[in-house]
Amino acid sequence: MAGAAVLRGEITAALRRALLEELAAVGYGRLSIEAVARRAGVAKTAVYRRWSSKLEMVLEVVSEVAWRKLSPSDTGSLHGDLELVLRLIARALAHPLASQIVPDLLAEAARNPQIAETLQLALRSAQSDVAARLVSRAVRRGELAADTDPDLAVDLIVGPLYWRLAVARQPLSPGHVSRLAAATAAALKGCAGTGETAPA
């Protein structure tokens, strides 16, 4: 029985890897369960024992990846914490799989409310958790006001990197992350203490 459990785990892991690779290669629209099974080297019945449909498989696997929370160390300063998180995000966005999958799923989300809702929950929750910890540390150090908005921090931290790497597809120049961390820290300090969000 123990051997069978290990085998099942290995098959599931192989299917998850195959799904991400296939999703990056062909996109959600052309993705098929048969192709995922073939890439994983298993019969498609192995897929159906775990997921009832292509959509269920994609949402579960992508959500699991998105929920892997960053756990950046406390560097002792807001700038240091921001630079560390930005480097981790940049590394993730620059990964060949992520650079193909994320834009494709966001485009698919515009057509599929279920995908949109799942991505919003998974991605935003993971990002908000990291931003809340960074803001909380900075508040304790006296670097930010107590009413600094973590949601604003998410936008300032993730937005510029996502635009550059996933949308514009421009590489990061030497020193870019450090400069971006300094600009983000200055922006958060400038917005802190207002207690309100600027009108749209």
N, C-alpha and C. Protein backbone atom coordinates (compact mmCIF):
# COMPACT_ATOMS: atom_id res chain seq x y z
N MET A 1 0.82 -1.20 0.00
CA MET A 1 0.00 0.00 0.00
C MET A 1 0.86 1.26 0.00
N ALA A 2 1.96 1.21 0.78
CA ALA A 2 2.81 2.39 0.84
C ALA A 2 3.39 2.70 -0.53
N GLY A 3 3.81 1.65 -1.25
CA GLY A 3 4.35 1.86 -2.59
C GLY A 3 3.33 2.46 -3.52
N ALA A 4 2.06 2.00 -3.41
CA ALA A 4 1.01 2.53 -4.27
C ALA A 4 0.77 4.00 -3.99
N ALA A 5 0.81 4.39 -2.70
CA ALA A 5 0.60 5.80 -2.34
C ALA A 5 1.68 6.68 -2.93
N VAL A 6 2.94 6.19 -2.87
CA VAL A 6 4.04 6.96 -3.45
C VAL A 6 3.85 7.09 -4.95
N LEU A 7 3.43 6.00 -5.59
CA LEU A 7 3.21 6.03 -7.03
C LEU A 7 2.12 7.03 -7.40
N ARG A 8 1.05 7.04 -6.65
CA ARG A 8 -0.03 7.99 -6.93
C ARG A 8 0.47 9.43 -6.78
N GLY A 9 1.28 9.65 -5.76
CA GLY A 9 1.83 10.99 -5.57
C GLY A 9 2.74 11.40 -6.71
N GLU A 10 3.52 10.46 -7.18
CA GLU A 10 4.43 10.75 -8.29
C GLU A 10 3.65 11.04 -9.57
N ILE A 11 2.57 10.32 -9.79
CA ILE A 11 1.76 10.55 -10.98
C ILE A 11 1.10 11.92 -10.90
N THR A 12 0.58 12.27 -9.73
CA THR A 12 -0.05 13.58 -9.56
C THR A 12 0.96 14.69 -9.81
N ALA A 13 2.16 14.54 -9.26
CA ALA A 13 3.20 15.56 -9.47
C ALA A 13 3.57 15.65 -10.94
N ALA A 14 3.65 14.51 -11.62
CA ALA A 14 3.97 14.51 -13.05
C ALA A 14 2.88 15.20 -13.85
N LEU A 15 1.64 14.98 -13.48
CA LEU A 15 0.52 15.61 -14.18
C LEU A 15 0.51 17.12 -13.95
N ARG A 16 0.84 17.55 -12.74
CA ARG A 16 0.88 18.99 -12.47
C ARG A 16 1.97 19.65 -13.30
N ARG A 17 3.13 19.03 -13.36
CA ARG A 17 4.22 19.59 -14.17
C ARG A 17 3.83 19.62 -15.65
N ALA A 18 3.23 18.51 -16.10
CA ALA A 18 2.83 18.42 -17.50
C ALA A 18 1.78 19.48 -17.84
N LEU A 19 0.86 19.71 -16.92
CA LEU A 19 -0.17 20.73 -17.16
C LEU A 19 0.46 22.10 -17.35
N LEU A 20 1.36 22.47 -16.45
CA LEU A 20 1.98 23.79 -16.54
C LEU A 20 2.79 23.93 -17.83
N GLU A 21 3.49 22.88 -18.20
CA GLU A 21 4.29 22.92 -19.43
C GLU A 21 3.40 23.01 -20.66
N GLU A 22 2.33 22.24 -20.67
CA GLU A 22 1.41 22.26 -21.81
C GLU A 22 0.68 23.59 -21.89
N LEU A 23 0.30 24.12 -20.75
CA LEU A 23 -0.39 25.42 -20.70
C LEU A 23 0.51 26.52 -21.25
N ALA A 24 1.79 26.46 -20.89
CA ALA A 24 2.74 27.45 -21.39
C ALA A 24 2.96 27.29 -22.89
N ALA A 25 2.91 26.06 -23.37
CA ALA A 25 3.20 25.80 -24.78
C ALA A 25 2.06 26.16 -25.71
N VAL A 26 0.81 25.85 -25.31
CA VAL A 26 -0.31 26.01 -26.24
C VAL A 26 -1.39 26.97 -25.76
N GLY A 27 -1.37 27.36 -24.48
CA GLY A 27 -2.42 28.23 -23.97
C GLY A 27 -3.65 27.45 -23.54
N TYR A 28 -4.54 28.12 -22.78
CA TYR A 28 -5.71 27.44 -22.23
C TYR A 28 -6.65 26.97 -23.33
N GLY A 29 -6.86 27.78 -24.35
CA GLY A 29 -7.82 27.44 -25.39
C GLY A 29 -7.51 26.14 -26.10
N ARG A 30 -6.23 25.87 -26.35
CA ARG A 30 -5.83 24.66 -27.08
C ARG A 30 -5.42 23.53 -26.15
N LEU A 31 -5.47 23.77 -24.85
CA LEU A 31 -5.07 22.74 -23.89
C LEU A 31 -6.06 21.58 -23.92
N SER A 32 -5.54 20.36 -23.85
CA SER A 32 -6.42 19.19 -23.80
C SER A 32 -5.91 18.23 -22.73
N ILE A 33 -6.84 17.50 -22.13
CA ILE A 33 -6.48 16.51 -21.13
C ILE A 33 -5.61 15.42 -21.76
N GLU A 34 -5.92 15.06 -22.99
CA GLU A 34 -5.13 14.03 -23.67
C GLU A 34 -3.67 14.45 -23.80
N ALA A 35 -3.44 15.71 -24.14
CA ALA A 35 -2.07 16.20 -24.32
C ALA A 35 -1.33 16.24 -22.99
N VAL A 36 -2.02 16.63 -21.92
CA VAL A 36 -1.40 16.66 -20.60
C VAL A 36 -0.99 15.24 -20.19
N ALA A 37 -1.90 14.29 -20.39
CA ALA A 37 -1.60 12.90 -20.03
C ALA A 37 -0.43 12.37 -20.85
N ARG A 38 -0.43 12.69 -22.13
CA ARG A 38 0.67 12.22 -23.00
C ARG A 38 2.01 12.81 -22.54
N ARG A 39 2.01 14.10 -22.20
CA ARG A 39 3.25 14.74 -21.75
C ARG A 39 3.72 14.13 -20.44
N ALA A 40 2.78 13.74 -19.58
CA ALA A 40 3.13 13.14 -18.29
C ALA A 40 3.48 11.66 -18.42
N GLY A 41 3.19 11.07 -19.56
CA GLY A 41 3.49 9.66 -19.76
C GLY A 41 2.52 8.72 -19.08
N VAL A 42 1.25 9.16 -18.96
CA VAL A 42 0.24 8.32 -18.32
C VAL A 42 -1.01 8.29 -19.20
N ALA A 43 -1.93 7.40 -18.87
CA ALA A 43 -3.20 7.34 -19.58
C ALA A 43 -4.09 8.49 -19.12
N LYS A 44 -5.00 8.93 -19.98
CA LYS A 44 -5.85 10.06 -19.60
C LYS A 44 -6.79 9.71 -18.45
N THR A 45 -7.01 8.41 -18.22
CA THR A 45 -7.83 8.03 -17.07
C THR A 45 -7.18 8.48 -15.77
N ALA A 46 -5.85 8.60 -15.75
CA ALA A 46 -5.16 9.08 -14.55
C ALA A 46 -5.53 10.53 -14.26
N VAL A 47 -5.78 11.28 -15.32
CA VAL A 47 -6.22 12.67 -15.15
C VAL A 47 -7.63 12.69 -14.58
N TYR A 48 -8.51 11.91 -15.16
CA TYR A 48 -9.92 11.94 -14.75
C TYR A 48 -10.12 11.39 -13.34
N ARG A 49 -9.17 10.60 -12.84
CA ARG A 49 -9.29 10.15 -11.45
C ARG A 49 -9.01 11.31 -10.48
N ARG A 50 -8.39 12.36 -10.98
CA ARG A 50 -8.03 13.49 -10.12
C ARG A 50 -8.87 14.74 -10.39
N TRP A 51 -9.21 14.96 -11.64
CA TRP A 51 -9.98 16.16 -12.03
C TRP A 51 -11.05 15.76 -13.03
N SER A 52 -12.22 16.38 -12.92
CA SER A 52 -13.34 16.00 -13.79
C SER A 52 -13.32 16.71 -15.13
N SER A 53 -12.54 17.79 -15.24
CA SER A 53 -12.53 18.56 -16.48
C SER A 53 -11.23 19.34 -16.61
N LYS A 54 -11.00 19.87 -17.80
CA LYS A 54 -9.83 20.71 -18.04
C LYS A 54 -9.86 21.94 -17.13
N LEU A 55 -11.02 22.56 -17.03
CA LEU A 55 -11.13 23.77 -16.22
C LEU A 55 -10.81 23.50 -14.76
N GLU A 56 -11.38 22.41 -14.21
CA GLU A 56 -11.12 22.06 -12.81
C GLU A 56 -9.63 21.81 -12.58
N MET A 57 -8.99 21.11 -13.51
CA MET A 57 -7.56 20.81 -13.39
C MET A 57 -6.73 22.08 -13.40
N VAL A 58 -7.00 22.99 -14.33
CA VAL A 58 -6.23 24.23 -14.44
C VAL A 58 -6.43 25.10 -13.21
N LEU A 59 -7.67 25.25 -12.77
CA LEU A 59 -7.94 26.13 -11.62
C LEU A 59 -7.27 25.60 -10.36
N GLU A 60 -7.32 24.29 -10.14
CA GLU A 60 -6.72 23.73 -8.93
C GLU A 60 -5.21 23.88 -8.94
N VAL A 61 -4.58 23.52 -10.06
CA VAL A 61 -3.12 23.55 -10.12
C VAL A 61 -2.59 24.97 -10.08
N VAL A 62 -3.19 25.87 -10.84
CA VAL A 62 -2.73 27.26 -10.87
C VAL A 62 -2.96 27.92 -9.52
N SER A 63 -4.09 27.62 -8.88
CA SER A 63 -4.36 28.19 -7.55
C SER A 63 -3.32 27.72 -6.54
N GLU A 64 -2.96 26.44 -6.62
CA GLU A 64 -1.97 25.90 -5.69
C GLU A 64 -0.63 26.61 -5.86
N VAL A 65 -0.23 26.83 -7.12
CA VAL A 65 1.03 27.52 -7.38
C VAL A 65 0.96 28.95 -6.87
N ALA A 66 -0.16 29.62 -7.14
CA ALA A 66 -0.29 31.01 -6.72
C ALA A 66 -0.31 31.16 -5.21
N TRP A 67 -0.83 30.14 -4.51
CA TRP A 67 -0.94 30.23 -3.05
C TRP A 67 0.38 29.94 -2.34
N ARG A 68 1.39 29.53 -3.10
CA ARG A 68 2.69 29.32 -2.45
C ARG A 68 3.21 30.68 -2.03
N LYS A 69 3.06 30.99 -0.78
CA LYS A 69 3.35 32.34 -0.31
C LYS A 69 4.86 32.58 -0.24
N LEU A 70 5.23 33.78 -0.65
CA LEU A 70 6.60 34.21 -0.45
C LEU A 70 6.83 34.37 1.05
N SER A 71 7.98 34.02 1.50
CA SER A 71 8.31 34.19 2.92
C SER A 71 9.62 34.97 3.04
N PRO A 72 9.61 36.22 2.62
CA PRO A 72 10.85 36.99 2.66
C PRO A 72 11.32 37.26 4.08
N SER A 73 12.62 37.19 4.27
CA SER A 73 13.18 37.46 5.58
C SER A 73 13.08 38.94 5.91
N ASP A 74 13.16 39.24 7.20
CA ASP A 74 13.17 40.64 7.65
C ASP A 74 14.59 41.16 7.49
N THR A 75 14.78 42.08 6.56
CA THR A 75 16.13 42.61 6.29
C THR A 75 16.51 43.75 7.23
N GLY A 76 15.53 44.25 7.98
CA GLY A 76 15.82 45.35 8.90
C GLY A 76 15.43 46.72 8.39
N SER A 77 14.99 46.80 7.13
CA SER A 77 14.56 48.10 6.59
C SER A 77 13.50 47.89 5.54
N LEU A 78 12.67 48.91 5.32
CA LEU A 78 11.64 48.84 4.31
C LEU A 78 12.26 48.67 2.93
N HIS A 79 13.30 49.43 2.63
CA HIS A 79 13.95 49.31 1.33
C HIS A 79 14.50 47.91 1.12
N GLY A 80 15.14 47.36 2.14
CA GLY A 80 15.70 46.02 2.01
C GLY A 80 14.63 44.97 1.82
N ASP A 81 13.53 45.07 2.57
CA ASP A 81 12.43 44.12 2.42
C ASP A 81 11.83 44.20 1.03
N LEU A 82 11.63 45.43 0.55
CA LEU A 82 11.05 45.62 -0.77
C LEU A 82 11.96 45.06 -1.86
N GLU A 83 13.25 45.31 -1.73
CA GLU A 83 14.19 44.82 -2.75
C GLU A 83 14.19 43.29 -2.79
N LEU A 84 14.15 42.66 -1.61
CA LEU A 84 14.14 41.20 -1.57
C LEU A 84 12.87 40.65 -2.22
N VAL A 85 11.71 41.22 -1.88
CA VAL A 85 10.45 40.75 -2.45
C VAL A 85 10.41 40.99 -3.96
N LEU A 86 10.88 42.15 -4.39
CA LEU A 86 10.89 42.45 -5.82
C LEU A 86 11.77 41.47 -6.58
N ARG A 87 12.89 41.09 -6.00
CA ARG A 87 13.76 40.12 -6.67
C ARG A 87 13.08 38.75 -6.78
N LEU A 88 12.38 38.36 -5.74
CA LEU A 88 11.66 37.08 -5.78
C LEU A 88 10.55 37.11 -6.83
N ILE A 89 9.81 38.23 -6.87
CA ILE A 89 8.74 38.34 -7.86
C ILE A 89 9.30 38.37 -9.27
N ALA A 90 10.39 39.12 -9.45
CA ALA A 90 11.01 39.22 -10.77
C ALA A 90 11.48 37.85 -11.24
N ARG A 91 12.06 37.08 -10.34
CA ARG A 91 12.52 35.74 -10.69
C ARG A 91 11.34 34.85 -11.11
N ALA A 92 10.23 34.97 -10.37
CA ALA A 92 9.05 34.16 -10.70
C ALA A 92 8.45 34.57 -12.04
N LEU A 93 8.33 35.88 -12.28
CA LEU A 93 7.73 36.34 -13.52
C LEU A 93 8.61 36.07 -14.73
N ALA A 94 9.92 36.03 -14.51
CA ALA A 94 10.84 35.79 -15.62
C ALA A 94 10.94 34.32 -15.99
N HIS A 95 10.38 33.45 -15.15
CA HIS A 95 10.43 32.01 -15.46
C HIS A 95 9.69 31.75 -16.76
N PRO A 96 10.24 30.94 -17.65
CA PRO A 96 9.60 30.70 -18.96
C PRO A 96 8.14 30.25 -18.85
N LEU A 97 7.83 29.40 -17.89
CA LEU A 97 6.45 28.95 -17.76
C LEU A 97 5.53 30.08 -17.33
N ALA A 98 5.94 30.82 -16.29
CA ALA A 98 5.10 31.89 -15.78
C ALA A 98 4.90 32.98 -16.83
N SER A 99 5.94 33.30 -17.58
CA SER A 99 5.84 34.38 -18.56
C SER A 99 4.85 34.06 -19.67
N GLN A 100 4.57 32.78 -19.89
CA GLN A 100 3.58 32.39 -20.88
C GLN A 100 2.20 32.17 -20.26
N ILE A 101 2.18 31.54 -19.09
CA ILE A 101 0.91 31.14 -18.49
C ILE A 101 0.11 32.33 -17.95
N VAL A 102 0.77 33.22 -17.22
CA VAL A 102 0.04 34.30 -16.56
C VAL A 102 -0.70 35.19 -17.55
N PRO A 103 -0.04 35.73 -18.58
CA PRO A 103 -0.79 36.56 -19.53
C PRO A 103 -1.93 35.81 -20.22
N ASP A 104 -1.70 34.53 -20.54
CA ASP A 104 -2.73 33.75 -21.22
C ASP A 104 -3.95 33.55 -20.33
N LEU A 105 -3.71 33.22 -19.05
CA LEU A 105 -4.84 33.01 -18.15
C LEU A 105 -5.59 34.30 -17.86
N LEU A 106 -4.87 35.42 -17.80
CA LEU A 106 -5.55 36.70 -17.58
C LEU A 106 -6.44 37.04 -18.78
N ALA A 107 -5.96 36.74 -19.97
CA ALA A 107 -6.79 36.96 -21.15
C ALA A 107 -8.01 36.04 -21.13
N GLU A 108 -7.80 34.79 -20.72
CA GLU A 108 -8.92 33.84 -20.63
C GLU A 108 -9.91 34.27 -19.56
N ALA A 109 -9.40 34.89 -18.50
CA ALA A 109 -10.28 35.33 -17.40
C ALA A 109 -11.28 36.38 -17.87
N ALA A 110 -10.91 37.14 -18.89
CA ALA A 110 -11.83 38.15 -19.42
C ALA A 110 -13.05 37.50 -20.08
N ARG A 111 -12.91 36.22 -20.46
CA ARG A 111 -14.00 35.50 -21.12
C ARG A 111 -14.68 34.48 -20.20
N ASN A 112 -14.02 34.15 -19.08
CA ASN A 112 -14.53 33.08 -18.21
C ASN A 112 -14.58 33.57 -16.77
N PRO A 113 -15.77 33.91 -16.26
CA PRO A 113 -15.88 34.45 -14.90
C PRO A 113 -15.33 33.52 -13.82
N GLN A 114 -15.42 32.21 -14.03
CA GLN A 114 -14.92 31.28 -13.01
C GLN A 114 -13.41 31.36 -12.90
N ILE A 115 -12.73 31.46 -14.05
CA ILE A 115 -11.28 31.63 -14.03
C ILE A 115 -10.92 32.97 -13.41
N ALA A 116 -11.66 34.01 -13.77
CA ALA A 116 -11.39 35.35 -13.24
C ALA A 116 -11.50 35.37 -11.72
N GLU A 117 -12.56 34.75 -11.19
CA GLU A 117 -12.76 34.74 -9.74
C GLU A 117 -11.66 33.97 -9.02
N THR A 118 -11.27 32.83 -9.58
CA THR A 118 -10.23 32.01 -8.95
C THR A 118 -8.89 32.71 -8.97
N LEU A 119 -8.54 33.30 -10.10
CA LEU A 119 -7.26 34.02 -10.17
C LEU A 119 -7.24 35.19 -9.21
N GLN A 120 -8.35 35.92 -9.15
CA GLN A 120 -8.41 37.06 -8.25
C GLN A 120 -8.19 36.63 -6.81
N LEU A 121 -8.87 35.56 -6.41
CA LEU A 121 -8.75 35.07 -5.03
C LEU A 121 -7.33 34.58 -4.75
N ALA A 122 -6.80 33.75 -5.63
CA ALA A 122 -5.50 33.13 -5.38
C ALA A 122 -4.37 34.13 -5.44
N LEU A 123 -4.31 34.89 -6.52
CA LEU A 123 -3.19 35.81 -6.70
C LEU A 123 -3.23 36.96 -5.71
N ARG A 124 -4.38 37.58 -5.56
CA ARG A 124 -4.47 38.75 -4.69
C ARG A 124 -4.25 38.37 -3.23
N SER A 125 -4.76 37.22 -2.81
CA SER A 125 -4.59 36.81 -1.42
C SER A 125 -3.12 36.58 -1.09
N ALA A 126 -2.41 35.90 -1.98
CA ALA A 126 -0.99 35.64 -1.75
C ALA A 126 -0.20 36.94 -1.71
N GLN A 127 -0.49 37.85 -2.65
CA GLN A 127 0.22 39.12 -2.70
C GLN A 127 -0.09 39.98 -1.48
N SER A 128 -1.36 40.00 -1.08
CA SER A 128 -1.77 40.82 0.05
C SER A 128 -1.11 40.35 1.35
N ASP A 129 -0.93 39.04 1.49
CA ASP A 129 -0.28 38.50 2.68
C ASP A 129 1.15 39.03 2.81
N VAL A 130 1.88 39.03 1.69
CA VAL A 130 3.26 39.52 1.70
C VAL A 130 3.28 41.01 1.98
N ALA A 131 2.43 41.77 1.31
CA ALA A 131 2.41 43.23 1.49
C ALA A 131 2.05 43.60 2.92
N ALA A 132 1.11 42.88 3.51
CA ALA A 132 0.70 43.17 4.89
C ALA A 132 1.87 42.97 5.86
N ARG A 133 2.65 41.91 5.62
CA ARG A 133 3.80 41.67 6.50
C ARG A 133 4.86 42.76 6.34
N LEU A 134 5.11 43.17 5.09
CA LEU A 134 6.10 44.22 4.86
C LEU A 134 5.67 45.53 5.51
N VAL A 135 4.40 45.88 5.33
CA VAL A 135 3.89 47.13 5.91
C VAL A 135 3.93 47.06 7.43
N SER A 136 3.53 45.92 7.99
CA SER A 136 3.53 45.77 9.45
C SER A 136 4.93 45.95 10.03
N ARG A 137 5.91 45.36 9.38
CA ARG A 137 7.30 45.53 9.85
C ARG A 137 7.72 46.98 9.79
N ALA A 138 7.41 47.64 8.66
CA ALA A 138 7.82 49.03 8.50
C ALA A 138 7.13 49.94 9.51
N VAL A 139 5.89 49.63 9.84
CA VAL A 139 5.17 50.41 10.84
C VAL A 139 5.84 50.25 12.21
N ARG A 140 6.22 49.02 12.55
CA ARG A 140 6.88 48.78 13.84
C ARG A 140 8.22 49.50 13.92
N ARG A 141 8.91 49.62 12.78
CA ARG A 141 10.20 50.32 12.77
C ARG A 141 10.04 51.84 12.76
N GLY A 142 8.83 52.31 12.53
CA GLY A 142 8.61 53.74 12.43
C GLY A 142 8.88 54.30 11.04
N GLU A 143 8.98 53.41 10.04
CA GLU A 143 9.24 53.85 8.67
C GLU A 143 7.96 54.24 7.93
N LEU A 144 6.84 53.66 8.33
CA LEU A 144 5.56 53.97 7.71
C LEU A 144 4.53 54.30 8.79
N ALA A 145 3.54 55.09 8.40
CA ALA A 145 2.45 55.41 9.32
C ALA A 145 1.58 54.18 9.56
N ALA A 146 0.92 54.17 10.71
CA ALA A 146 0.13 53.00 11.10
C ALA A 146 -1.04 52.74 10.16
N ASP A 147 -1.53 53.76 9.46
CA ASP A 147 -2.68 53.56 8.58
C ASP A 147 -2.28 53.35 7.12
N THR A 148 -1.02 52.97 6.88
CA THR A 148 -0.59 52.67 5.52
C THR A 148 -1.42 51.52 4.95
N ASP A 149 -1.90 51.68 3.75
CA ASP A 149 -2.82 50.72 3.13
C ASP A 149 -2.06 49.57 2.46
N PRO A 150 -2.18 48.33 2.97
CA PRO A 150 -1.49 47.19 2.34
C PRO A 150 -1.94 46.95 0.90
N ASP A 151 -3.21 47.25 0.58
CA ASP A 151 -3.68 47.07 -0.80
C ASP A 151 -2.94 48.01 -1.74
N LEU A 152 -2.67 49.23 -1.30
CA LEU A 152 -1.89 50.16 -2.11
C LEU A 152 -0.47 49.62 -2.27
N ALA A 153 0.06 49.04 -1.20
CA ALA A 153 1.41 48.47 -1.28
C ALA A 153 1.47 47.36 -2.32
N VAL A 154 0.43 46.51 -2.40
CA VAL A 154 0.42 45.45 -3.41
C VAL A 154 0.53 46.05 -4.81
N ASP A 155 -0.27 47.08 -5.07
CA ASP A 155 -0.25 47.70 -6.41
C ASP A 155 1.12 48.28 -6.73
N LEU A 156 1.72 48.94 -5.76
CA LEU A 156 3.01 49.58 -6.00
C LEU A 156 4.14 48.56 -6.14
N ILE A 157 4.04 47.45 -5.43
CA ILE A 157 5.10 46.44 -5.47
C ILE A 157 4.99 45.59 -6.74
N VAL A 158 3.80 45.07 -7.02
CA VAL A 158 3.63 44.11 -8.11
C VAL A 158 3.47 44.79 -9.47
N GLY A 159 2.74 45.89 -9.50
CA GLY A 159 2.37 46.52 -10.77
C GLY A 159 3.52 46.81 -11.72
N PRO A 160 4.53 47.56 -11.29
CA PRO A 160 5.61 47.91 -12.22
C PRO A 160 6.37 46.70 -12.76
N LEU A 161 6.63 45.72 -11.90
CA LEU A 161 7.35 44.53 -12.37
C LEU A 161 6.50 43.72 -13.33
N TYR A 162 5.21 43.57 -13.02
CA TYR A 162 4.34 42.81 -13.91
C TYR A 162 4.27 43.49 -15.28
N TRP A 163 4.13 44.81 -15.27
CA TRP A 163 4.06 45.52 -16.54
C TRP A 163 5.33 45.32 -17.37
N ARG A 164 6.47 45.46 -16.73
CA ARG A 164 7.74 45.37 -17.47
C ARG A 164 8.01 43.96 -17.97
N LEU A 165 7.81 42.95 -17.10
CA LEU A 165 8.21 41.58 -17.45
C LEU A 165 7.13 40.80 -18.18
N ALA A 166 5.87 40.96 -17.80
CA ALA A 166 4.81 40.14 -18.38
C ALA A 166 4.07 40.82 -19.53
N VAL A 167 4.01 42.15 -19.50
CA VAL A 167 3.28 42.87 -20.55
C VAL A 167 4.22 43.42 -21.60
N ALA A 168 5.15 44.30 -21.18
CA ALA A 168 6.09 44.89 -22.13
C ALA A 168 7.18 43.91 -22.55
N ARG A 169 7.41 42.88 -21.73
CA ARG A 169 8.43 41.87 -22.01
C ARG A 169 9.82 42.49 -22.16
N GLN A 170 10.14 43.40 -21.26
CA GLN A 170 11.44 44.05 -21.27
C GLN A 170 12.30 43.48 -20.15
N PRO A 171 13.56 43.17 -20.41
CA PRO A 171 14.44 42.64 -19.36
C PRO A 171 14.77 43.71 -18.34
N LEU A 172 15.15 43.27 -17.16
CA LEU A 172 15.55 44.20 -16.11
C LEU A 172 17.01 44.60 -16.31
N SER A 173 17.26 45.88 -16.30
CA SER A 173 18.64 46.36 -16.42
C SER A 173 19.34 46.26 -15.07
N PRO A 174 20.68 46.26 -15.04
CA PRO A 174 21.40 46.20 -13.77
C PRO A 174 20.98 47.35 -12.84
N GLY A 175 20.70 47.03 -11.61
CA GLY A 175 20.31 48.05 -10.65
C GLY A 175 18.86 48.45 -10.69
N HIS A 176 18.09 47.89 -11.65
CA HIS A 176 16.69 48.30 -11.78
C HIS A 176 15.88 47.94 -10.53
N VAL A 177 16.07 46.74 -10.01
CA VAL A 177 15.28 46.31 -8.86
C VAL A 177 15.58 47.18 -7.64
N SER A 178 16.84 47.52 -7.44
CA SER A 178 17.19 48.36 -6.30
C SER A 178 16.57 49.75 -6.43
N ARG A 179 16.60 50.30 -7.64
CA ARG A 179 15.99 51.62 -7.87
C ARG A 179 14.48 51.56 -7.69
N LEU A 180 13.88 50.47 -8.16
CA LEU A 180 12.44 50.31 -8.01
C LEU A 180 12.05 50.17 -6.54
N ALA A 181 12.87 49.46 -5.77
CA ALA A 181 12.61 49.33 -4.32
C ALA A 181 12.65 50.69 -3.65
N ALA A 182 13.63 51.52 -4.01
CA ALA A 182 13.75 52.85 -3.42
C ALA A 182 12.54 53.72 -3.80
N ALA A 183 12.12 53.64 -5.07
CA ALA A 183 10.98 54.42 -5.52
C ALA A 183 9.69 53.96 -4.84
N THR A 184 9.54 52.64 -4.66
CA THR A 184 8.35 52.10 -4.02
C THR A 184 8.30 52.51 -2.55
N ALA A 185 9.44 52.45 -1.88
CA ALA A 185 9.50 52.87 -0.48
C ALA A 185 9.13 54.34 -0.35
N ALA A 186 9.66 55.18 -1.25
CA ALA A 186 9.36 56.61 -1.20
C ALA A 186 7.88 56.87 -1.47
N ALA A 187 7.31 56.11 -2.41
CA ALA A 187 5.88 56.28 -2.72
C ALA A 187 5.02 55.89 -1.52
N LEU A 188 5.35 54.79 -0.86
CA LEU A 188 4.58 54.37 0.30
C LEU A 188 4.68 55.36 1.44
N LYS A 189 5.88 55.91 1.63
CA LYS A 189 6.05 56.92 2.69
C LYS A 189 5.28 58.18 2.34
N GLY A 190 5.23 58.52 1.07
CA GLY A 190 4.52 59.72 0.65
C GLY A 190 3.02 59.58 0.76
N CYS A 191 2.52 58.34 0.59
CA CYS A 191 1.08 58.11 0.67
C CYS A 191 0.62 57.79 2.08
N ALA A 192 1.54 57.42 2.93
CA ALA A 192 1.16 57.00 4.29
C ALA A 192 0.66 58.18 5.09
N GLY A 193 -0.22 57.85 6.02
CA GLY A 193 -0.69 58.87 6.95
C GLY A 193 -1.88 59.67 6.46
N THR A 194 -2.32 59.45 5.23
CA THR A 194 -3.46 60.20 4.72
C THR A 194 -4.78 59.64 5.24
N GLY A 195 -4.77 58.31 5.46
CA GLY A 195 -5.98 57.68 5.97
C GLY A 195 -7.10 57.56 4.95
N GLU A 196 -6.79 57.85 3.68
CA GLU A 196 -7.81 57.77 2.67
C GLU A 196 -7.19 57.43 1.33
N THR A 197 -8.00 56.97 0.42
CA THR A 197 -7.53 56.64 -0.92
C THR A 197 -7.88 57.79 -1.84
N ALA A 198 -6.96 58.12 -2.73
CA ALA A 198 -7.21 59.21 -3.65
C ALA A 198 -8.40 58.88 -4.53
N PRO A 199 -9.24 59.91 -4.89
CA PRO A 199 -10.41 59.64 -5.72
C PRO A 199 -10.01 59.18 -7.10
N ALA A 200 -10.84 58.32 -7.71
CA ALA A 200 -10.55 57.81 -9.04
C ALA A 200 -10.73 58.90 -10.08
